[in-house]
Amino acid sequence: MSESARLADQIRRAFDGDAWHGDSVLELLANVDAKTAAAHPIKGAHSIWELLLHIAAWDGAVLRRTGGTAVKLSDEENFPPVNDSSETAWRKTVEQVKQKHDALVKAVAAFPDSRLLDPVPGKPEKYYDHFYMFSGIVQHELYHAGQIALLKKAQAK
């Protein structure tokens, strides 16, 4: 298995399941409805829905960077607003995020190992290569999975 394929597998596991640490993002969302997703049970914290849109924004940014595009997200792109909090909109959001995530996993799996240490477009830092970015997106998704788990617990009380 190539190094890129290993990284893609870790990205997939963090989002879609069989993660070493415990529940992945999708496992945490399995029984979340629109009302739960849109709630703000912790003052000042983002909702589950907002966190999922944020995860999708960064999956998309990494996907575009993988294709050679320099990407910097605006504040609104970083945490897109939830404009429709219906059950239909929630299910559609989850499906769209799954599709974006699947595209990212495929792109990373196909990424040439020989380019893993190449710098990411638009990132002047010497250490910011593709390996760092791909490892970072795993950490990013797991960080927000933890937040989602805490939001679910806070709402269950």
C-alpha atoms as a PDB file:
ATOM      1  CA  MET A   1       0.000   0.000   0.000  1.00  0.00           C
ATOM      2  CA  SER A   2       1.317   3.447  -0.898  1.00  0.00           C
ATOM      3  CA  GLU A   3       1.810   6.161   1.709  1.00  0.00           C
ATOM      4  CA  SER A   4      -0.916   8.229   0.048  1.00  0.00           C
ATOM      5  CA  ALA A   5      -3.301   5.274   0.244  1.00  0.00           C
ATOM      6  CA  ARG A   6      -2.510   4.930   3.964  1.00  0.00           C
ATOM      7  CA  LEU A   7      -3.214   8.619   4.516  1.00  0.00           C
ATOM      8  CA  ALA A   8      -6.467   8.325   2.559  1.00  0.00           C
ATOM      9  CA  ASP A   9      -7.478   5.397   4.742  1.00  0.00           C
ATOM     10  CA  GLN A  10      -6.873   7.443   7.903  1.00  0.00           C
ATOM     11  CA  ILE A  11      -8.917  10.325   6.483  1.00  0.00           C
ATOM     12  CA  ARG A  12     -11.728   7.897   5.662  1.00  0.00           C
ATOM     13  CA  ARG A  13     -11.622   6.268   9.108  1.00  0.00           C
ATOM     14  CA  ALA A  14     -11.816   9.600  10.947  1.00  0.00           C
ATOM     15  CA  PHE A  15     -14.978  10.507   9.058  1.00  0.00           C
ATOM     16  CA  ASP A  16     -16.624   7.244   8.082  1.00  0.00           C
ATOM     17  CA  GLY A  17     -15.767   4.647  10.675  1.00  0.00           C
ATOM     18  CA  ASP A  18     -13.417   2.039  12.047  1.00  0.00           C
ATOM     19  CA  ALA A  19     -11.310   4.729  13.682  1.00  0.00           C
ATOM     20  CA  TRP A  20      -8.806   3.603  16.313  1.00  0.00           C
ATOM     21  CA  HIS A  21      -9.919   6.153  18.913  1.00  0.00           C
ATOM     22  CA  GLY A  22     -13.665   5.452  18.837  1.00  0.00           C
ATOM     23  CA  ASP A  23     -16.632   6.901  16.982  1.00  0.00           C
ATOM     24  CA  SER A  24     -16.035   8.653  13.681  1.00  0.00           C
ATOM     25  CA  VAL A  25     -17.922  11.753  12.553  1.00  0.00           C
ATOM     26  CA  LEU A  26     -20.599   9.747  10.710  1.00  0.00           C
ATOM     27  CA  GLU A  27     -20.994   7.279  13.570  1.00  0.00           C
ATOM     28  CA  LEU A  28     -21.661  10.231  15.876  1.00  0.00           C
ATOM     29  CA  LEU A  29     -24.214  11.644  13.436  1.00  0.00           C
ATOM     30  CA  ALA A  30     -26.106   8.370  12.945  1.00  0.00           C
ATOM     31  CA  ASN A  31     -28.971   9.280  15.300  1.00  0.00           C
ATOM     32  CA  VAL A  32     -28.817  13.075  15.016  1.00  0.00           C
ATOM     33  CA  ASP A  33     -31.909  14.808  13.657  1.00  0.00           C
ATOM     34  CA  ALA A  34     -32.180  18.361  12.346  1.00  0.00           C
ATOM     35  CA  LYS A  35     -33.342  19.784  15.684  1.00  0.00           C
ATOM     36  CA  THR A  36     -30.366  18.258  17.504  1.00  0.00           C
ATOM     37  CA  ALA A  37     -27.967  19.290  14.736  1.00  0.00           C
ATOM     38  CA  ALA A  38     -29.116  22.925  14.811  1.00  0.00           C
ATOM     39  CA  ALA A  39     -29.180  23.277  18.609  1.00  0.00           C
ATOM     40  CA  HIS A  40     -26.675  25.323  20.604  1.00  0.00           C
ATOM     41  CA  PRO A  41     -26.647  23.521  23.973  1.00  0.00           C
ATOM     42  CA  ILE A  42     -23.315  25.091  24.948  1.00  0.00           C
ATOM     43  CA  LYS A  43     -23.293  28.883  25.013  1.00  0.00           C
ATOM     44  CA  GLY A  44     -20.804  30.302  22.523  1.00  0.00           C
ATOM     45  CA  ALA A  45     -20.147  26.950  20.824  1.00  0.00           C
ATOM     46  CA  HIS A  46     -20.995  26.038  17.271  1.00  0.00           C
ATOM     47  CA  SER A  47     -23.850  23.631  16.619  1.00  0.00           C
ATOM     48  CA  ILE A  48     -23.331  20.123  15.268  1.00  0.00           C
ATOM     49  CA  TRP A  49     -24.640  21.333  11.917  1.00  0.00           C
ATOM     50  CA  GLU A  50     -22.200  24.260  11.843  1.00  0.00           C
ATOM     51  CA  LEU A  51     -19.337  21.914  12.705  1.00  0.00           C
ATOM     52  CA  LEU A  52     -20.305  19.539   9.907  1.00  0.00           C
ATOM     53  CA  LEU A  53     -20.377  22.414   7.402  1.00  0.00           C
ATOM     54  CA  HIS A  54     -16.962  23.501   8.715  1.00  0.00           C
ATOM     55  CA  ILE A  55     -15.568  19.981   8.232  1.00  0.00           C
ATOM     56  CA  ALA A  56     -16.924  20.019   4.665  1.00  0.00           C
ATOM     57  CA  ALA A  57     -15.372  23.432   4.000  1.00  0.00           C
ATOM     58  CA  TRP A  58     -11.936  22.152   4.961  1.00  0.00           C
ATOM     59  CA  ASP A  59     -12.371  18.855   3.118  1.00  0.00           C
ATOM     60  CA  GLY A  60     -13.122  20.984   0.061  1.00  0.00           C
ATOM     61  CA  ALA A  61     -10.156  23.273   0.670  1.00  0.00           C
ATOM     62  CA  VAL A  62      -7.780  20.318   0.994  1.00  0.00           C
ATOM     63  CA  LEU A  63      -9.295  18.735  -2.117  1.00  0.00           C
ATOM     64  CA  ARG A  64      -8.708  21.933  -4.105  1.00  0.00           C
ATOM     65  CA  ARG A  65      -5.187  22.312  -2.727  1.00  0.00           C
ATOM     66  CA  THR A  66      -4.482  18.712  -3.731  1.00  0.00           C
ATOM     67  CA  GLY A  67      -5.397  19.746  -7.277  1.00  0.00           C
ATOM     68  CA  GLY A  68      -2.875  22.592  -7.192  1.00  0.00           C
ATOM     69  CA  THR A  69      -5.092  25.528  -6.211  1.00  0.00           C
ATOM     70  CA  ALA A  70      -4.034  27.944  -3.475  1.00  0.00           C
ATOM     71  CA  VAL A  71      -7.009  28.224  -1.107  1.00  0.00           C
ATOM     72  CA  LYS A  72      -7.738  30.577   1.768  1.00  0.00           C
ATOM     73  CA  LEU A  73     -11.215  30.379   3.281  1.00  0.00           C
ATOM     74  CA  SER A  74     -13.117  33.503   4.249  1.00  0.00           C
ATOM     75  CA  ASP A  75     -14.814  33.577   7.652  1.00  0.00           C
ATOM     76  CA  GLU A  76     -18.162  32.715   6.045  1.00  0.00           C
ATOM     77  CA  GLU A  77     -16.601  29.861   4.049  1.00  0.00           C
ATOM     78  CA  ASN A  78     -14.851  28.574   7.182  1.00  0.00           C
ATOM     79  CA  PHE A  79     -18.119  28.336   9.150  1.00  0.00           C
ATOM     80  CA  PRO A  80     -20.987  28.557   6.658  1.00  0.00           C
ATOM     81  CA  PRO A  81     -24.334  29.598   8.116  1.00  0.00           C
ATOM     82  CA  VAL A  82     -27.250  27.207   8.450  1.00  0.00           C
ATOM     83  CA  ASN A  83     -29.999  28.902   6.463  1.00  0.00           C
ATOM     84  CA  ASP A  84     -32.588  26.112   6.497  1.00  0.00           C
ATOM     85  CA  SER A  85     -32.865  23.950   9.615  1.00  0.00           C
ATOM     86  CA  SER A  86     -35.453  21.519   8.273  1.00  0.00           C
ATOM     87  CA  GLU A  87     -35.046  17.758   8.435  1.00  0.00           C
ATOM     88  CA  THR A  88     -34.782  17.627   4.629  1.00  0.00           C
ATOM     89  CA  ALA A  89     -32.005  20.231   4.636  1.00  0.00           C
ATOM     90  CA  TRP A  90     -30.135  18.308   7.360  1.00  0.00           C
ATOM     91  CA  ARG A  91     -30.259  15.022   5.427  1.00  0.00           C
ATOM     92  CA  LYS A  92     -29.176  16.846   2.262  1.00  0.00           C
ATOM     93  CA  THR A  93     -26.267  18.453   4.137  1.00  0.00           C
ATOM     94  CA  VAL A  94     -25.088  15.089   5.465  1.00  0.00           C
ATOM     95  CA  GLU A  95     -25.230  13.561   1.959  1.00  0.00           C
ATOM     96  CA  GLN A  96     -23.358  16.474   0.396  1.00  0.00           C
ATOM     97  CA  VAL A  97     -20.660  16.309   3.052  1.00  0.00           C
ATOM     98  CA  LYS A  98     -20.297  12.548   2.500  1.00  0.00           C
ATOM     99  CA  GLN A  99     -19.829  13.127  -1.237  1.00  0.00           C
ATOM    100  CA  LYS A 100     -17.207  15.829  -0.689  1.00  0.00           C
ATOM    101  CA  HIS A 101     -15.402  13.639   1.812  1.00  0.00           C
ATOM    102  CA  ASP A 102     -15.434  10.650  -0.554  1.00  0.00           C
ATOM    103  CA  ALA A 103     -13.938  12.835  -3.307  1.00  0.00           C
ATOM    104  CA  LEU A 104     -11.172  13.911  -0.912  1.00  0.00           C
ATOM    105  CA  VAL A 105     -10.379  10.321   0.072  1.00  0.00           C
ATOM    106  CA  LYS A 106     -10.146   9.314  -3.608  1.00  0.00           C
ATOM    107  CA  ALA A 107      -7.915  12.277  -4.441  1.00  0.00           C
ATOM    108  CA  VAL A 108      -5.533  11.550  -1.565  1.00  0.00           C
ATOM    109  CA  ALA A 109      -5.408   7.828  -2.415  1.00  0.00           C
ATOM    110  CA  ALA A 110      -4.432   8.736  -5.990  1.00  0.00           C
ATOM    111  CA  PHE A 111      -1.922  11.412  -4.933  1.00  0.00           C
ATOM    112  CA  PRO A 112       1.616  10.436  -5.983  1.00  0.00           C
ATOM    113  CA  ASP A 113       3.837   9.480  -3.046  1.00  0.00           C
ATOM    114  CA  SER A 114       6.653  11.293  -4.840  1.00  0.00           C
ATOM    115  CA  ARG A 115       4.778  14.585  -4.262  1.00  0.00           C
ATOM    116  CA  LEU A 116       3.918  14.158  -0.570  1.00  0.00           C
ATOM    117  CA  LEU A 117       6.796  16.389   0.513  1.00  0.00           C
ATOM    118  CA  ASP A 118       6.048  19.073  -2.095  1.00  0.00           C
ATOM    119  CA  PRO A 119       4.809  22.355  -0.621  1.00  0.00           C
ATOM    120  CA  VAL A 120       1.082  23.049  -0.680  1.00  0.00           C
ATOM    121  CA  PRO A 121       0.137  25.886  -3.077  1.00  0.00           C
ATOM    122  CA  GLY A 122      -0.185  29.212  -1.286  1.00  0.00           C
ATOM    123  CA  LYS A 123       1.434  27.996   1.954  1.00  0.00           C
ATOM    124  CA  PRO A 124       4.871  29.607   2.393  1.00  0.00           C
ATOM    125  CA  GLU A 125       5.771  27.659   5.527  1.00  0.00           C
ATOM    126  CA  LYS A 126       8.560  25.145   4.796  1.00  0.00           C
ATOM    127  CA  TYR A 127       6.895  22.383   6.807  1.00  0.00           C
ATOM    128  CA  TYR A 128       3.499  22.773   5.089  1.00  0.00           C
ATOM    129  CA  ASP A 129       3.762  19.964   2.589  1.00  0.00           C
ATOM    130  CA  HIS A 130       1.049  17.604   1.371  1.00  0.00           C
ATOM    131  CA  PHE A 131       1.897  14.946   3.961  1.00  0.00           C
ATOM    132  CA  TYR A 132       1.433  17.542   6.723  1.00  0.00           C
ATOM    133  CA  MET A 133      -1.862  18.709   5.216  1.00  0.00           C
ATOM    134  CA  PHE A 134      -3.241  15.180   4.763  1.00  0.00           C
ATOM    135  CA  SER A 135      -2.266  14.231   8.312  1.00  0.00           C
ATOM    136  CA  GLY A 136      -3.753  17.503   9.526  1.00  0.00           C
ATOM    137  CA  ILE A 137      -7.159  16.887   7.961  1.00  0.00           C
ATOM    138  CA  VAL A 138      -7.364  13.629   9.937  1.00  0.00           C
ATOM    139  CA  GLN A 139      -6.606  15.539  13.144  1.00  0.00           C
ATOM    140  CA  HIS A 140      -9.103  18.240  12.185  1.00  0.00           C
ATOM    141  CA  GLU A 141     -11.948  15.783  11.699  1.00  0.00           C
ATOM    142  CA  LEU A 142     -11.219  13.942  14.929  1.00  0.00           C
ATOM    143  CA  TYR A 143     -11.037  17.217  16.867  1.00  0.00           C
ATOM    144  CA  HIS A 144     -14.478  18.189  15.623  1.00  0.00           C
ATOM    145  CA  ALA A 145     -15.810  14.660  16.178  1.00  0.00           C
ATOM    146  CA  GLY A 146     -14.950  15.188  19.851  1.00  0.00           C
ATOM    147  CA  GLN A 147     -16.857  18.467  19.855  1.00  0.00           C
ATOM    148  CA  ILE A 148     -19.862  16.777  18.248  1.00  0.00           C
ATOM    149  CA  ALA A 149     -19.787  14.073  20.916  1.00  0.00           C
ATOM    150  CA  LEU A 150     -19.752  16.702  23.675  1.00  0.00           C
ATOM    151  CA  LEU A 151     -22.599  18.656  22.065  1.00  0.00           C
ATOM    152  CA  LYS A 152     -24.696  15.497  21.900  1.00  0.00           C
ATOM    153  CA  LYS A 153     -24.043  14.812  25.591  1.00  0.00           C
ATOM    154  CA  ALA A 154     -24.839  18.399  26.553  1.00  0.00           C
ATOM    155  CA  GLN A 155     -28.130  18.248  24.689  1.00  0.00           C
ATOM    156  CA  ALA A 156     -29.101  14.876  26.168  1.00  0.00           C
ATOM    157  CA  LYS A 157     -29.094  16.361  29.676  1.00  0.00           C
END
